[in-house]
């Protein structure tokens, strides 16, 4: 297990009151995982505006050049756009870039008009390699270090959770089919004396599915941090999500980005002081 974990929000849809940082539609986290005095830095997602992200990184005095790995939670542009530019700013060779094998598939919406929303030109595999990244694509969970792992592809078991947006892709015969976002993954950190800390980008797999898939029987959930993609969810789905989340009894729910105001209000009503919104520059620390 980890001795300590520090989660810094580098990019988000909002910024705290009187913050000098920049907001953008997207999210990016820095996870600093410590074990036996050794600190590993994992960049999780990069938002969609690399200039704004790099500005925040500079303002927060983040040692970007010490990035040990990048994890992409899913393909969407507001989590992946500008990755090549960020890798160039890291300035290291063979930086592991970890994601699901389906990351680079076509992913698009058709309402109100056709628009590709997946990985954009300039951030494709050859671009990533040229910028210093080394792609590692896994559908199964991956241990980054003892106490820190990805979920891999999340098993969908609930009857009330769905992707949250009407997305399409193309099958092997070139037919347009619904995209169920198989690449949606999260990270699970386990800190000595604490519980599991879940860091999620958008939770297209469903935050309850993510927890059921990842949390061991009898394991305590210390925190859920990230986007829950309930911004367009029905009142019924929000209520069922909040109710199911309460059964895990997390000590902290920090939900922003695609969560939506109605869901945030419901989470605040249910969790009170255990709930908080996120913003660029927010820091969540966990120590044994």
Protein backbone atom coordinates (compact mmCIF):
# COMPACT_ATOMS: atom_id res chain seq x y z
CA UNK A 1 0.00 0.00 0.00
CA UNK A 2 1.00 3.63 -0.37
CA UNK A 3 2.36 5.70 2.51
CA UNK A 4 0.76 8.85 1.09
CA UNK A 5 -1.19 10.15 -1.88
CA UNK A 6 -1.66 13.71 -3.07
CA UNK A 7 -4.22 14.49 -5.78
CA UNK A 8 -3.95 17.91 -7.42
CA UNK A 9 -6.58 19.10 -9.89
CA UNK A 10 -4.60 20.72 -12.71
CA UNK A 11 -7.53 21.48 -15.01
CA UNK A 12 -11.28 21.58 -14.45
CA UNK A 13 -14.43 23.32 -15.63
CA UNK A 14 -14.18 25.82 -12.75
CA UNK A 15 -11.68 27.58 -10.54
CA UNK A 16 -12.05 28.48 -6.85
CA UNK A 17 -12.98 31.99 -5.75
CA UNK A 18 -10.19 34.51 -6.46
CA UNK A 19 -8.00 31.84 -8.03
CA UNK A 20 -5.35 33.00 -10.54
CA UNK A 21 -5.72 29.74 -12.46
CA UNK A 22 -7.55 29.08 -15.73
CA UNK A 23 -10.65 26.92 -16.18
CA UNK A 24 -11.52 24.84 -19.24
CA UNK A 25 -14.11 22.23 -20.15
CA UNK A 26 -12.07 19.16 -19.30
CA UNK A 27 -10.14 17.67 -16.46
CA UNK A 28 -6.58 16.77 -15.52
CA UNK A 29 -5.11 15.47 -12.27
CA UNK A 30 -1.64 14.93 -10.89
CA UNK A 31 -1.32 11.95 -8.57
CA UNK A 32 1.77 11.94 -6.37
CA UNK A 33 2.05 8.48 -4.83
CA UNK A 34 4.63 7.93 -2.08
CA UNK A 35 6.00 4.61 -0.89
CA UNK A 36 9.11 4.14 1.27
CA UNK A 37 10.23 7.69 0.55
CA UNK A 38 9.92 7.18 -3.22
CA UNK A 39 7.44 9.49 -4.99
CA UNK A 40 5.96 8.64 -8.38
CA UNK A 41 4.04 11.27 -10.34
CA UNK A 42 1.18 10.19 -12.61
CA UNK A 43 -0.58 12.65 -14.89
CA UNK A 44 -4.21 11.60 -15.36
CA UNK A 45 -5.83 13.14 -18.46
CA UNK A 46 -4.78 16.47 -19.99
CA UNK A 47 -8.02 18.39 -20.58
CA UNK A 48 -8.53 19.96 -24.01
CA UNK A 49 -6.44 23.15 -23.83
CA UNK A 50 -2.72 22.43 -23.37
CA UNK A 51 -1.82 26.11 -23.06
CA UNK A 52 -4.23 26.60 -20.15
CA UNK A 53 -3.02 23.35 -18.58
CA UNK A 54 0.64 24.36 -18.87
CA UNK A 55 -0.20 27.78 -17.41
CA UNK A 56 -1.81 26.17 -14.36
CA UNK A 57 1.09 23.74 -14.00
CA UNK A 58 3.52 26.67 -13.96
CA UNK A 59 1.41 28.63 -11.47
CA UNK A 60 1.14 25.59 -9.19
CA UNK A 61 4.91 24.97 -9.47
CA UNK A 62 4.32 21.38 -10.59
CA UNK A 63 7.58 19.62 -11.64
CA UNK A 64 6.16 18.46 -14.98
CA UNK A 65 9.55 17.14 -16.06
CA UNK A 66 9.34 14.56 -13.27
CA UNK A 67 6.20 12.94 -14.70
CA UNK A 68 6.60 9.16 -14.49
CA UNK A 69 3.53 8.14 -16.49
CA UNK A 70 0.35 9.43 -18.13
CA UNK A 71 -2.99 7.65 -17.76
CA UNK A 72 -5.88 8.49 -20.09
CA UNK A 73 -9.25 7.60 -18.60
CA UNK A 74 -11.01 7.54 -21.99
CA UNK A 75 -10.82 8.88 -25.53
CA UNK A 76 -12.76 12.14 -25.33
CA UNK A 77 -11.13 15.34 -26.54
CA UNK A 78 -11.70 17.13 -23.23
CA UNK A 79 -9.39 14.58 -21.60
CA UNK A 80 -6.85 13.94 -24.36
CA UNK A 81 -6.46 17.02 -26.57
CA UNK A 82 -2.96 18.45 -26.59
CA UNK A 83 -1.36 15.32 -25.15
CA UNK A 84 1.53 15.54 -27.61
CA UNK A 85 2.23 19.13 -26.59
CA UNK A 86 2.18 18.17 -22.93
CA UNK A 87 4.55 15.26 -23.57
CA UNK A 88 6.95 17.61 -25.34
CA UNK A 89 6.80 19.91 -22.31
CA UNK A 90 7.61 16.94 -20.05
CA UNK A 91 10.80 16.65 -22.05
CA UNK A 92 11.52 12.98 -21.37
CA UNK A 93 11.72 9.98 -23.65
CA UNK A 94 9.61 6.84 -23.38
CA UNK A 95 7.10 8.26 -20.91
CA UNK A 96 4.49 5.49 -20.46
CA UNK A 97 1.07 6.55 -21.78
CA UNK A 98 -1.46 4.05 -20.43
CA UNK A 99 -4.98 3.60 -21.78
CA UNK A 100 -7.49 1.10 -23.14
CA UNK A 101 -6.88 -0.54 -26.56
CA UNK A 102 -10.04 1.09 -27.97
CA UNK A 103 -8.74 4.61 -27.30
CA UNK A 104 -8.18 5.61 -30.93
CA UNK A 105 -11.47 4.36 -32.42
CA UNK A 106 -13.90 6.76 -34.12
CA UNK A 107 -16.14 8.29 -31.45
CA UNK A 108 -18.76 10.82 -32.51
CA UNK A 109 -22.11 12.43 -31.87
CA UNK A 110 -24.80 13.13 -34.48
CA UNK A 111 -26.90 15.72 -32.62
CA UNK A 112 -27.20 18.58 -33.16
CA UNK A 113 -24.77 17.73 -36.01
CA UNK A 114 -22.06 15.18 -36.75
CA UNK A 115 -18.93 15.83 -34.66
CA UNK A 116 -15.98 13.67 -33.77
CA UNK A 117 -15.35 13.85 -30.00
CA UNK A 118 -12.59 11.29 -29.58
CA UNK A 119 -8.82 11.63 -29.83
CA UNK A 120 -8.02 14.46 -32.24
CA UNK A 121 -5.45 14.79 -35.01
CA UNK A 122 -2.06 15.61 -33.59
CA UNK A 123 -2.51 13.23 -30.66
CA UNK A 124 -2.56 9.94 -32.54
CA UNK A 125 -0.11 7.10 -31.84
CA UNK A 126 2.72 8.34 -34.07
CA UNK A 127 2.35 11.86 -32.65
CA UNK A 128 2.52 10.53 -29.10
CA UNK A 129 5.64 8.52 -29.91
CA UNK A 130 7.32 11.48 -31.61
CA UNK A 131 6.58 13.65 -28.55
CA UNK A 132 8.31 11.23 -26.19
CA UNK A 133 5.45 8.95 -25.18
CA UNK A 134 5.36 5.17 -25.26
CA UNK A 135 1.87 3.69 -25.58
CA UNK A 136 0.71 0.83 -23.38
CA UNK A 137 -2.86 -0.24 -24.09
CA UNK A 138 -4.55 -2.70 -21.71
CA UNK A 139 -8.15 -3.82 -21.24
CA UNK A 140 -7.27 -5.39 -17.89
CA UNK A 141 -6.31 -3.56 -14.72
CA UNK A 142 -2.69 -2.52 -14.45
CA UNK A 143 -0.67 -2.10 -11.26
CA UNK A 144 1.38 1.06 -11.67
CA UNK A 145 3.03 0.42 -8.33
CA UNK A 146 1.96 -1.43 -5.16
CA UNK A 147 -1.05 0.50 -3.92
CA UNK A 148 -1.90 2.22 -7.21
CA UNK A 149 -3.66 0.58 -10.16
CA UNK A 150 -6.03 1.24 -13.03
CA UNK A 151 -9.42 -0.44 -13.11
CA UNK A 152 -9.06 -1.65 -16.66
CA UNK A 153 -12.33 -2.13 -18.53
CA UNK A 154 -15.18 -1.83 -16.04
CA UNK A 155 -17.86 -4.51 -15.82
CA UNK A 156 -21.34 -3.00 -16.21
CA UNK A 157 -23.74 -4.52 -13.67
CA UNK A 158 -26.16 -1.82 -12.49
CA UNK A 159 -29.54 -1.39 -14.14
CA UNK A 160 -29.70 2.41 -13.84
CA UNK A 161 -26.33 3.59 -15.13
CA UNK A 162 -25.49 4.33 -18.76
CA UNK A 163 -22.90 6.23 -20.77
CA UNK A 164 -24.64 9.57 -20.23
CA UNK A 165 -24.46 10.86 -23.81
CA UNK A 166 -25.55 9.47 -27.19
CA UNK A 167 -22.26 8.38 -28.76
CA UNK A 168 -21.54 6.35 -31.88
CA UNK A 169 -18.63 4.41 -33.30
CA UNK A 170 -17.97 2.13 -36.28
CA UNK A 171 -17.87 -1.68 -36.12
CA UNK A 172 -15.55 -3.98 -38.05
CA UNK A 173 -17.92 -3.89 -41.07
CA UNK A 174 -18.06 -0.11 -41.17
CA UNK A 175 -21.54 0.10 -39.67
CA UNK A 176 -22.48 2.91 -37.28
CA UNK A 177 -23.31 1.48 -33.86
CA UNK A 178 -23.86 2.90 -30.35
CA UNK A 179 -20.59 3.42 -28.44
CA UNK A 180 -20.77 2.11 -24.88
CA UNK A 181 -17.37 3.61 -23.97
CA UNK A 182 -15.52 0.37 -23.20
CA UNK A 183 -12.33 2.40 -22.70
CA UNK A 184 -13.67 4.26 -19.65
CA UNK A 185 -11.36 3.48 -16.73
CA UNK A 186 -10.44 4.95 -13.36
CA UNK A 187 -7.55 4.73 -10.89
CA UNK A 188 -7.65 3.13 -7.47
CA UNK A 189 -5.13 4.09 -4.78
CA UNK A 190 -4.82 2.38 -1.43
CA UNK A 191 -3.09 4.23 1.41
CA UNK A 192 -1.98 2.58 4.65
CA UNK A 193 -4.45 3.28 7.45
CA UNK A 194 -6.94 4.73 4.96
CA UNK A 195 -9.33 3.25 2.46
CA UNK A 196 -9.46 3.18 -1.31
CA UNK A 197 -9.23 6.47 -3.18
CA UNK A 198 -11.00 6.41 -6.56
CA UNK A 199 -9.97 8.97 -9.20
CA UNK A 200 -12.23 9.01 -12.25
CA UNK A 201 -12.34 11.18 -15.35
CA UNK A 202 -15.99 11.01 -16.44
CA UNK A 203 -17.39 7.72 -15.07
CA UNK A 204 -19.02 6.82 -18.39
CA UNK A 205 -19.02 3.26 -17.05
CA UNK A 206 -21.07 4.51 -14.08
CA UNK A 207 -19.49 5.42 -10.74
CA UNK A 208 -21.35 2.61 -8.97
CA UNK A 209 -20.18 0.11 -11.58
CA UNK A 210 -16.64 1.43 -11.06
CA UNK A 211 -16.88 0.94 -7.31
CA UNK A 212 -18.46 -2.52 -7.56
CA UNK A 213 -15.78 -3.52 -10.06
CA UNK A 214 -12.87 -2.20 -7.98
CA UNK A 215 -13.62 -2.26 -4.25
CA UNK A 216 -12.82 -5.49 -2.45
CA UNK A 217 -15.39 -7.04 -0.07
CA UNK A 218 -15.20 -5.24 3.27
CA UNK A 219 -12.86 -2.55 1.91
CA UNK A 220 -13.40 1.03 3.05
CA UNK A 221 -13.81 3.79 0.44
CA UNK A 222 -11.94 6.87 1.61
CA UNK A 223 -12.67 9.13 -1.36
CA UNK A 224 -14.30 9.42 -4.78
CA UNK A 225 -12.76 12.21 -6.86
CA UNK A 226 -13.63 13.24 -10.40
CA UNK A 227 -16.46 13.61 -12.90
CA UNK A 228 -19.60 11.49 -12.54
CA UNK A 229 -21.29 12.43 -15.86
CA UNK A 230 -24.72 13.05 -14.43
CA UNK A 231 -25.08 16.45 -16.08
CA UNK A 232 -27.94 15.24 -18.31
CA UNK A 233 -29.12 12.37 -16.10
CA UNK A 234 -32.72 11.95 -15.04
CA UNK A 235 -33.75 12.79 -11.51
CA UNK A 236 -34.35 9.08 -10.94
CA UNK A 237 -30.83 8.12 -12.03
CA UNK A 238 -29.30 10.83 -9.85
CA UNK A 239 -31.28 9.63 -6.84
CA UNK A 240 -30.32 5.99 -7.44
CA UNK A 241 -26.66 6.92 -7.89
CA UNK A 242 -26.56 8.97 -4.70
CA UNK A 243 -28.34 6.24 -2.75
CA UNK A 244 -25.98 3.54 -4.02
CA UNK A 245 -22.95 5.73 -3.35
CA UNK A 246 -24.06 6.23 0.25
CA UNK A 247 -23.89 2.47 0.76
CA UNK A 248 -20.11 2.68 0.21
CA UNK A 249 -19.90 5.39 2.94
CA UNK A 250 -17.03 7.41 1.44
CA UNK A 251 -15.39 9.99 3.70
CA UNK A 252 -15.04 12.36 0.75
CA UNK A 253 -16.93 12.87 -2.50
CA UNK A 254 -15.27 15.53 -4.67
CA UNK A 255 -17.34 15.73 -7.85
CA UNK A 256 -17.00 18.21 -10.68
CA UNK A 257 -16.48 18.48 -14.45
CA UNK A 258 -19.39 16.55 -16.01
CA UNK A 259 -21.25 15.85 -12.77
CA UNK A 260 -23.75 18.68 -13.22
CA UNK A 261 -25.34 21.09 -10.75
CA UNK A 262 -28.42 18.96 -9.99
CA UNK A 263 -26.29 15.96 -9.12
CA UNK A 264 -23.90 18.10 -7.09
CA UNK A 265 -26.84 19.50 -5.14
CA UNK A 266 -28.14 15.98 -4.48
CA UNK A 267 -24.69 14.83 -3.37
CA UNK A 268 -24.34 17.79 -1.03
CA UNK A 269 -27.76 17.08 0.47
CA UNK A 270 -26.76 13.45 1.05
CA UNK A 271 -23.14 13.84 2.19
CA UNK A 272 -23.10 17.34 3.72
CA UNK A 273 -19.53 18.27 4.76
CA UNK A 274 -18.19 15.08 3.16
CA UNK A 275 -19.04 16.54 -0.27
CA UNK A 276 -17.10 19.19 -2.14
CA UNK A 277 -16.90 20.45 -5.68
CA UNK A 278 -13.62 20.45 -7.57
CA UNK A 279 -11.76 23.30 -9.23
CA UNK A 280 -8.39 23.84 -10.82
CA UNK A 281 -5.88 23.96 -7.99
CA UNK A 282 -7.89 21.82 -5.57
CA UNK A 283 -5.70 19.45 -3.56
CA UNK A 284 -6.73 16.27 -1.75
CA UNK A 285 -4.13 14.63 0.48
CA UNK A 286 -4.16 11.21 2.12
CA UNK A 287 -1.47 9.98 4.50
CA UNK A 288 -1.00 6.94 6.68
